[in-house]
N, C-alpha and C. Protein backbone atom coordinates (compact mmCIF):
# COMPACT_ATOMS: atom_id res chain seq x y z
N UNK A 1 0.84 -1.17 0.00
CA UNK A 1 0.00 0.00 0.00
C UNK A 1 0.89 1.24 0.00
N UNK A 2 0.47 2.24 -0.70
CA UNK A 2 1.26 3.46 -0.79
C UNK A 2 0.86 4.44 0.30
N UNK A 3 1.73 5.40 0.55
CA UNK A 3 1.48 6.38 1.60
C UNK A 3 0.25 7.22 1.29
N UNK A 4 0.01 7.51 0.02
CA UNK A 4 -1.17 8.30 -0.35
C UNK A 4 -2.46 7.57 0.01
N UNK A 5 -2.43 6.25 -0.08
CA UNK A 5 -3.61 5.48 0.30
C UNK A 5 -3.89 5.63 1.79
N UNK A 6 -2.84 5.66 2.60
CA UNK A 6 -3.02 5.84 4.04
C UNK A 6 -3.45 7.26 4.38
N UNK A 7 -2.99 8.23 3.62
CA UNK A 7 -3.34 9.62 3.91
C UNK A 7 -4.83 9.91 3.69
N UNK A 8 -5.47 9.09 2.87
CA UNK A 8 -6.90 9.31 2.62
C UNK A 8 -7.76 8.71 3.73
N UNK A 9 -7.14 8.01 4.69
CA UNK A 9 -7.89 7.38 5.77
C UNK A 9 -7.85 8.23 7.04
N UNK A 10 -8.79 7.98 7.93
CA UNK A 10 -8.79 8.63 9.24
C UNK A 10 -7.83 7.88 10.16
N UNK A 11 -7.43 8.51 11.24
CA UNK A 11 -6.46 7.93 12.16
C UNK A 11 -6.94 6.59 12.74
N UNK A 12 -8.21 6.46 13.17
CA UNK A 12 -8.63 5.14 13.67
C UNK A 12 -8.59 4.05 12.60
N UNK A 13 -8.86 4.42 11.35
CA UNK A 13 -8.77 3.44 10.26
C UNK A 13 -7.34 3.00 10.02
N UNK A 14 -6.41 3.94 10.14
CA UNK A 14 -4.99 3.61 9.99
C UNK A 14 -4.57 2.67 11.11
N UNK A 15 -5.04 2.94 12.33
CA UNK A 15 -4.71 2.06 13.46
C UNK A 15 -5.22 0.65 13.22
N UNK A 16 -6.41 0.54 12.66
CA UNK A 16 -6.98 -0.78 12.38
C UNK A 16 -6.16 -1.49 11.31
N UNK A 17 -5.74 -0.76 10.29
CA UNK A 17 -4.91 -1.36 9.24
C UNK A 17 -3.57 -1.83 9.79
N UNK A 18 -2.98 -1.03 10.69
CA UNK A 18 -1.71 -1.42 11.30
C UNK A 18 -1.87 -2.71 12.09
N UNK A 19 -2.95 -2.80 12.84
CA UNK A 19 -3.20 -4.02 13.62
C UNK A 19 -3.37 -5.23 12.70
N UNK A 20 -4.08 -5.06 11.61
CA UNK A 20 -4.26 -6.16 10.65
C UNK A 20 -2.93 -6.57 10.02
N UNK A 21 -2.10 -5.60 9.69
CA UNK A 21 -0.82 -5.91 9.08
C UNK A 21 0.11 -6.60 10.07
N UNK A 22 0.03 -6.24 11.36
CA UNK A 22 0.84 -6.91 12.37
C UNK A 22 0.43 -8.37 12.50
N UNK A 23 -0.87 -8.64 12.45
CA UNK A 23 -1.34 -10.02 12.49
C UNK A 23 -0.85 -10.79 11.26
N UNK A 24 -0.91 -10.13 10.11
CA UNK A 24 -0.44 -10.77 8.89
C UNK A 24 1.06 -11.06 8.97
N UNK A 25 1.82 -10.12 9.52
CA UNK A 25 3.26 -10.31 9.67
C UNK A 25 3.55 -11.50 10.58
N UNK A 26 2.80 -11.62 11.67
CA UNK A 26 2.97 -12.76 12.56
C UNK A 26 2.71 -14.07 11.82
N UNK A 27 1.63 -14.10 11.05
CA UNK A 27 1.30 -15.32 10.30
C UNK A 27 2.37 -15.64 9.26
N UNK A 28 2.91 -14.62 8.62
CA UNK A 28 3.97 -14.84 7.64
C UNK A 28 5.23 -15.41 8.30
N UNK A 29 5.55 -14.90 9.49
CA UNK A 29 6.72 -15.41 10.21
C UNK A 29 6.52 -16.87 10.62
N UNK A 30 5.30 -17.19 11.03
CA UNK A 30 5.00 -18.58 11.39
C UNK A 30 5.14 -19.49 10.17
N UNK A 31 4.65 -19.02 9.03
CA UNK A 31 4.78 -19.80 7.79
C UNK A 31 6.24 -19.97 7.40
N UNK A 32 7.03 -18.93 7.60
CA UNK A 32 8.45 -19.00 7.26
C UNK A 32 9.15 -20.08 8.09
N UNK A 33 8.86 -20.11 9.38
CA UNK A 33 9.54 -21.05 10.25
C UNK A 33 9.03 -22.48 10.09
N UNK A 34 7.85 -22.63 9.53
CA UNK A 34 7.34 -23.98 9.29
C UNK A 34 7.54 -24.39 7.82
N UNK A 35 8.35 -23.61 7.10
CA UNK A 35 8.69 -23.88 5.70
C UNK A 35 7.47 -23.93 4.78
N UNK A 36 6.47 -23.12 5.05
CA UNK A 36 5.29 -23.06 4.19
C UNK A 36 5.22 -21.78 3.37
N UNK A 37 6.12 -20.86 3.63
CA UNK A 37 6.10 -19.57 2.94
C UNK A 37 6.85 -19.69 1.62
N UNK A 38 6.15 -19.38 0.52
CA UNK A 38 6.77 -19.51 -0.79
C UNK A 38 7.56 -18.26 -1.18
N UNK A 39 7.13 -17.10 -0.71
CA UNK A 39 7.78 -15.85 -1.09
C UNK A 39 8.17 -15.08 0.17
N UNK A 40 9.44 -15.11 0.52
CA UNK A 40 9.92 -14.46 1.75
C UNK A 40 9.88 -12.94 1.65
N UNK A 41 9.74 -12.39 0.45
CA UNK A 41 9.66 -10.94 0.29
C UNK A 41 8.37 -10.37 0.86
N UNK A 42 7.38 -11.21 1.09
CA UNK A 42 6.13 -10.73 1.69
C UNK A 42 6.37 -10.17 3.07
N UNK A 43 7.30 -10.76 3.81
CA UNK A 43 7.62 -10.26 5.15
C UNK A 43 8.21 -8.86 5.05
N UNK A 44 9.13 -8.69 4.15
CA UNK A 44 9.77 -7.38 3.96
C UNK A 44 8.75 -6.32 3.56
N UNK A 45 7.89 -6.67 2.61
CA UNK A 45 6.89 -5.71 2.14
C UNK A 45 5.89 -5.35 3.23
N UNK A 46 5.51 -6.32 4.04
CA UNK A 46 4.57 -6.06 5.12
C UNK A 46 5.20 -5.15 6.16
N UNK A 47 6.46 -5.40 6.50
CA UNK A 47 7.16 -4.54 7.47
C UNK A 47 7.22 -3.10 6.96
N UNK A 48 7.49 -2.94 5.69
CA UNK A 48 7.57 -1.60 5.11
C UNK A 48 6.21 -0.91 5.08
N UNK A 49 5.15 -1.68 4.82
CA UNK A 49 3.80 -1.11 4.84
C UNK A 49 3.44 -0.64 6.24
N UNK A 50 3.83 -1.41 7.25
CA UNK A 50 3.57 -1.00 8.64
C UNK A 50 4.32 0.30 8.94
N UNK A 51 5.54 0.39 8.50
CA UNK A 51 6.33 1.61 8.73
C UNK A 51 5.71 2.81 8.02
N UNK A 52 5.23 2.60 6.79
CA UNK A 52 4.57 3.69 6.07
C UNK A 52 3.33 4.16 6.81
N UNK A 53 2.55 3.21 7.26
CA UNK A 53 1.31 3.56 7.96
C UNK A 53 1.61 4.31 9.26
N UNK A 54 2.62 3.87 9.99
CA UNK A 54 2.99 4.57 11.22
C UNK A 54 3.48 5.97 10.94
N UNK A 55 4.23 6.14 9.87
CA UNK A 55 4.75 7.46 9.51
C UNK A 55 3.61 8.40 9.16
N UNK A 56 2.68 7.95 8.35
CA UNK A 56 1.54 8.79 7.96
C UNK A 56 0.69 9.11 9.17
N UNK A 57 0.51 8.12 10.07
CA UNK A 57 -0.28 8.36 11.27
C UNK A 57 0.38 9.45 12.13
N UNK A 58 1.70 9.39 12.27
CA UNK A 58 2.43 10.40 13.04
C UNK A 58 2.29 11.77 12.39
N UNK A 59 2.37 11.84 11.07
CA UNK A 59 2.22 13.12 10.37
C UNK A 59 0.83 13.70 10.58
N UNK A 60 -0.19 12.85 10.47
CA UNK A 60 -1.57 13.33 10.66
C UNK A 60 -1.81 13.78 12.08
N UNK A 61 -1.22 13.07 13.03
CA UNK A 61 -1.36 13.43 14.45
C UNK A 61 -0.70 14.78 14.72
N UNK A 62 0.50 14.99 14.19
CA UNK A 62 1.18 16.24 14.42
C UNK A 62 0.48 17.41 13.73
N UNK A 63 -0.11 17.15 12.55
CA UNK A 63 -0.88 18.21 11.89
C UNK A 63 -2.11 18.58 12.69
N UNK A 64 -2.77 17.60 13.28
CA UNK A 64 -3.95 17.86 14.08
C UNK A 64 -3.59 18.66 15.33
N UNK A 65 -2.44 18.36 15.93
CA UNK A 65 -2.01 19.09 17.11
C UNK A 65 -1.64 20.53 16.77
N UNK A 66 -1.05 20.76 15.61
CA UNK A 66 -0.68 22.11 15.20
C UNK A 66 -1.91 22.96 14.94
N UNK A 67 -2.95 22.36 14.42
CA UNK A 67 -4.17 23.10 14.12
C UNK A 67 -4.96 23.44 15.38
N UNK A 68 -4.74 22.70 16.44
CA UNK A 68 -5.49 22.95 17.69
C UNK A 68 -4.96 24.12 18.44
């Protein structure tokens, strides 16, 4: 997911997406250790998506605080 996609969401929606991606990351790690994961790059991409979402969430939070 791209950062622009996260910017169009509200902060609670971003939090929900982060939680879902963390669950997905856990499942991918479990698959990796049980030799069921066919594409190990999914872990890397999921970690990066979580980082993007956290960054956008922080930006939106700081913008909201500045406007207050």
